[in-house]
Every structure is written in structure tokens, then in C-alpha cells.
Amino acid sequence: MSRLYETLSPSQQLDLAVRTKSPARLAQTFVAYVGQFYDRTDFDVLARQVSDLYAADSNEQASRFRSALDRRLSDRYHAPVAWDIAPARRNRAA
């Protein structure tokens, strides 16, 4: 028999996590799994998605998630998340 979370899409799982976990608790969970990501960029993308989900409800909660995550990453000697990224520029031949 499958578990409830196995029946949800990844985006639904993130939404459920944001609705049921405090920003500090979810940041703690993220840090526990930072080493599981082969590419740190994927981790940062996921963190930005969660921050955006918190921001849809409250900018204060999103800010709490970002600061808690960055603080916990720093405690484990990891770089903070790249929260603000510029869109990729395309080289166009003139």
C-alpha cells in the first residue's frame, strides 16, 4: 500500500510541507539533506521554490525560512543559498 506522499506530485509535496511545517523546521530538514544533492544548484532551486511558496502566504515567513536556512548552512560550513539570481543572458550575434 502506498503512502499519501507517494501519491502526490513533487510540487504538491512541497506545498504540503510548507503548509504543515514552520519555516525553521523546514530549513532544518533542508540542511539535513544538503549533502544528498550532487549539484548544489538543484538544492538552491528547490530552496527558492519553497521560499516562494512561503512568500505566497507571508513575506515574513519566507524571510524566516531564508535566514534560518542560510544560518544552518553556515553552521555546517556550506555557502548560503543564491536567493537572487539574474536571468541568463543570451549571446546574440549582431
C-alpha atoms as a PDB file:
ATOM      1  CA  MET A   1       0.000   0.000   0.000  1.00  0.00           C
ATOM      2  CA  SER A   2       1.408   3.373  -0.972  1.00  0.00           C
ATOM      3  CA  ARG A   3       1.781   6.241   1.438  1.00  0.00           C
ATOM      4  CA  LEU A   4      -0.042   9.527   0.938  1.00  0.00           C
ATOM      5  CA  TYR A   5       3.066  11.493  -0.025  1.00  0.00           C
ATOM      6  CA  GLU A   6       3.866   8.922  -2.725  1.00  0.00           C
ATOM      7  CA  THR A   7       0.589   9.753  -4.480  1.00  0.00           C
ATOM      8  CA  LEU A   8       1.382  13.478  -4.658  1.00  0.00           C
ATOM      9  CA  SER A   9       3.447  15.207  -7.317  1.00  0.00           C
ATOM     10  CA  PRO A  10       6.720  16.838  -6.182  1.00  0.00           C
ATOM     11  CA  SER A  11       5.141  20.303  -6.348  1.00  0.00           C
ATOM     12  CA  GLN A  12       2.199  19.113  -4.232  1.00  0.00           C
ATOM     13  CA  GLN A  13       4.626  17.591  -1.737  1.00  0.00           C
ATOM     14  CA  LEU A  14       6.417  20.952  -1.406  1.00  0.00           C
ATOM     15  CA  ASP A  15       3.123  22.764  -0.980  1.00  0.00           C
ATOM     16  CA  LEU A  16       2.059  20.319   1.734  1.00  0.00           C
ATOM     17  CA  ALA A  17       5.408  20.692   3.517  1.00  0.00           C
ATOM     18  CA  VAL A  18       5.088  24.494   3.515  1.00  0.00           C
ATOM     19  CA  ARG A  19       1.539  24.291   4.856  1.00  0.00           C
ATOM     20  CA  THR A  20       2.395  21.868   7.656  1.00  0.00           C
ATOM     21  CA  LYS A  21       5.943  22.852   8.724  1.00  0.00           C
ATOM     22  CA  SER A  22       7.235  26.058  10.214  1.00  0.00           C
ATOM     23  CA  PRO A  23       9.949  27.904   8.259  1.00  0.00           C
ATOM     24  CA  ALA A  24      12.560  26.993  10.890  1.00  0.00           C
ATOM     25  CA  ARG A  25      11.604  23.301  10.873  1.00  0.00           C
ATOM     26  CA  LEU A  26      11.657  23.058   7.078  1.00  0.00           C
ATOM     27  CA  ALA A  27      15.028  24.852   6.966  1.00  0.00           C
ATOM     28  CA  GLN A  28      16.354  22.286   9.445  1.00  0.00           C
ATOM     29  CA  THR A  29      15.107  19.454   7.216  1.00  0.00           C
ATOM     30  CA  PHE A  30      16.684  21.021   4.124  1.00  0.00           C
ATOM     31  CA  VAL A  31      20.079  21.286   5.794  1.00  0.00           C
ATOM     32  CA  ALA A  32      19.917  17.648   6.836  1.00  0.00           C
ATOM     33  CA  TYR A  33      19.745  16.678   3.149  1.00  0.00           C
ATOM     34  CA  VAL A  34      22.082  19.242   1.556  1.00  0.00           C
ATOM     35  CA  GLY A  35      24.764  16.604   1.036  1.00  0.00           C
ATOM     36  CA  GLN A  36      22.358  14.415  -0.935  1.00  0.00           C
ATOM     37  CA  PHE A  37      22.350  16.836  -3.865  1.00  0.00           C
ATOM     38  CA  TYR A  38      25.045  16.109  -6.430  1.00  0.00           C
ATOM     39  CA  ASP A  39      24.617  19.580  -7.888  1.00  0.00           C
ATOM     40  CA  ARG A  40      24.235  22.384  -5.357  1.00  0.00           C
ATOM     41  CA  THR A  41      22.329  24.392  -7.968  1.00  0.00           C
ATOM     42  CA  ASP A  42      19.425  21.932  -7.703  1.00  0.00           C
ATOM     43  CA  PHE A  43      19.360  22.419  -3.927  1.00  0.00           C
ATOM     44  CA  ASP A  44      19.246  26.202  -4.346  1.00  0.00           C
ATOM     45  CA  VAL A  45      16.426  25.935  -6.910  1.00  0.00           C
ATOM     46  CA  LEU A  46      14.387  23.821  -4.502  1.00  0.00           C
ATOM     47  CA  ALA A  47      15.053  26.254  -1.644  1.00  0.00           C
ATOM     48  CA  ARG A  48      13.919  29.187  -3.803  1.00  0.00           C
ATOM     49  CA  GLN A  49      10.720  27.293  -4.692  1.00  0.00           C
ATOM     50  CA  VAL A  50       9.953  26.740  -1.018  1.00  0.00           C
ATOM     51  CA  SER A  51      10.709  30.383  -0.251  1.00  0.00           C
ATOM     52  CA  ASP A  52       8.281  31.415  -2.994  1.00  0.00           C
ATOM     53  CA  LEU A  53       5.592  29.154  -1.533  1.00  0.00           C
ATOM     54  CA  TYR A  54       6.066  30.739   1.892  1.00  0.00           C
ATOM     55  CA  ALA A  55       6.002  34.202   0.286  1.00  0.00           C
ATOM     56  CA  ALA A  56       2.631  33.473  -1.321  1.00  0.00           C
ATOM     57  CA  ASP A  57       1.241  33.365   2.214  1.00  0.00           C
ATOM     58  CA  SER A  58       3.558  35.762   4.021  1.00  0.00           C
ATOM     59  CA  ASN A  59       6.763  37.583   3.115  1.00  0.00           C
ATOM     60  CA  GLU A  60       7.748  37.367   6.777  1.00  0.00           C
ATOM     61  CA  GLN A  61       7.596  33.559   6.719  1.00  0.00           C
ATOM     62  CA  ALA A  62       9.646  33.477   3.518  1.00  0.00           C
ATOM     63  CA  SER A  63      12.240  35.716   5.141  1.00  0.00           C
ATOM     64  CA  ARG A  64      12.338  33.480   8.222  1.00  0.00           C
ATOM     65  CA  PHE A  65      12.877  30.401   6.034  1.00  0.00           C
ATOM     66  CA  ARG A  66      15.707  32.051   4.081  1.00  0.00           C
ATOM     67  CA  SER A  67      17.531  33.348   7.152  1.00  0.00           C
ATOM     68  CA  ALA A  68      17.126  30.068   9.076  1.00  0.00           C
ATOM     69  CA  LEU A  69      18.353  28.041   6.108  1.00  0.00           C
ATOM     70  CA  ASP A  70      21.369  30.274   5.478  1.00  0.00           C
ATOM     71  CA  ARG A  71      22.276  30.270   9.188  1.00  0.00           C
ATOM     72  CA  ARG A  72      22.058  26.473   9.398  1.00  0.00           C
ATOM     73  CA  LEU A  73      24.066  26.056   6.189  1.00  0.00           C
ATOM     74  CA  SER A  74      26.741  28.345   7.597  1.00  0.00           C
ATOM     75  CA  ASP A  75      26.846  26.281  10.804  1.00  0.00           C
ATOM     76  CA  ARG A  76      27.680  23.253   8.658  1.00  0.00           C
ATOM     77  CA  TYR A  77      30.316  25.111   6.614  1.00  0.00           C
ATOM     78  CA  HIS A  78      28.204  25.389   3.467  1.00  0.00           C
ATOM     79  CA  ALA A  79      27.715  28.501   1.372  1.00  0.00           C
ATOM     80  CA  PRO A  80      24.361  30.289   1.686  1.00  0.00           C
ATOM     81  CA  VAL A  81      21.680  29.810  -0.950  1.00  0.00           C
ATOM     82  CA  ALA A  82      21.870  32.049  -4.027  1.00  0.00           C
ATOM     83  CA  TRP A  83      18.485  33.685  -3.414  1.00  0.00           C
ATOM     84  CA  ASP A  84      18.646  36.410  -6.034  1.00  0.00           C
ATOM     85  CA  ILE A  85      19.665  35.172  -9.433  1.00  0.00           C
ATOM     86  CA  ALA A  86      19.701  37.186 -12.605  1.00  0.00           C
ATOM     87  CA  PRO A  87      18.061  35.691 -15.682  1.00  0.00           C
ATOM     88  CA  ALA A  88      20.569  34.108 -18.042  1.00  0.00           C
ATOM     89  CA  ARG A  89      21.695  36.457 -20.773  1.00  0.00           C
ATOM     90  CA  ARG A  90      21.734  35.109 -24.268  1.00  0.00           C
ATOM     91  CA  ASN A  91      24.535  35.984 -26.602  1.00  0.00           C
ATOM     92  CA  ARG A  92      23.111  37.322 -29.811  1.00  0.00           C
ATOM     93  CA  ALA A  93      25.178  37.839 -32.891  1.00  0.00           C
ATOM     94  CA  ALA A  94      24.629  41.238 -34.458  1.00  0.00           C
END
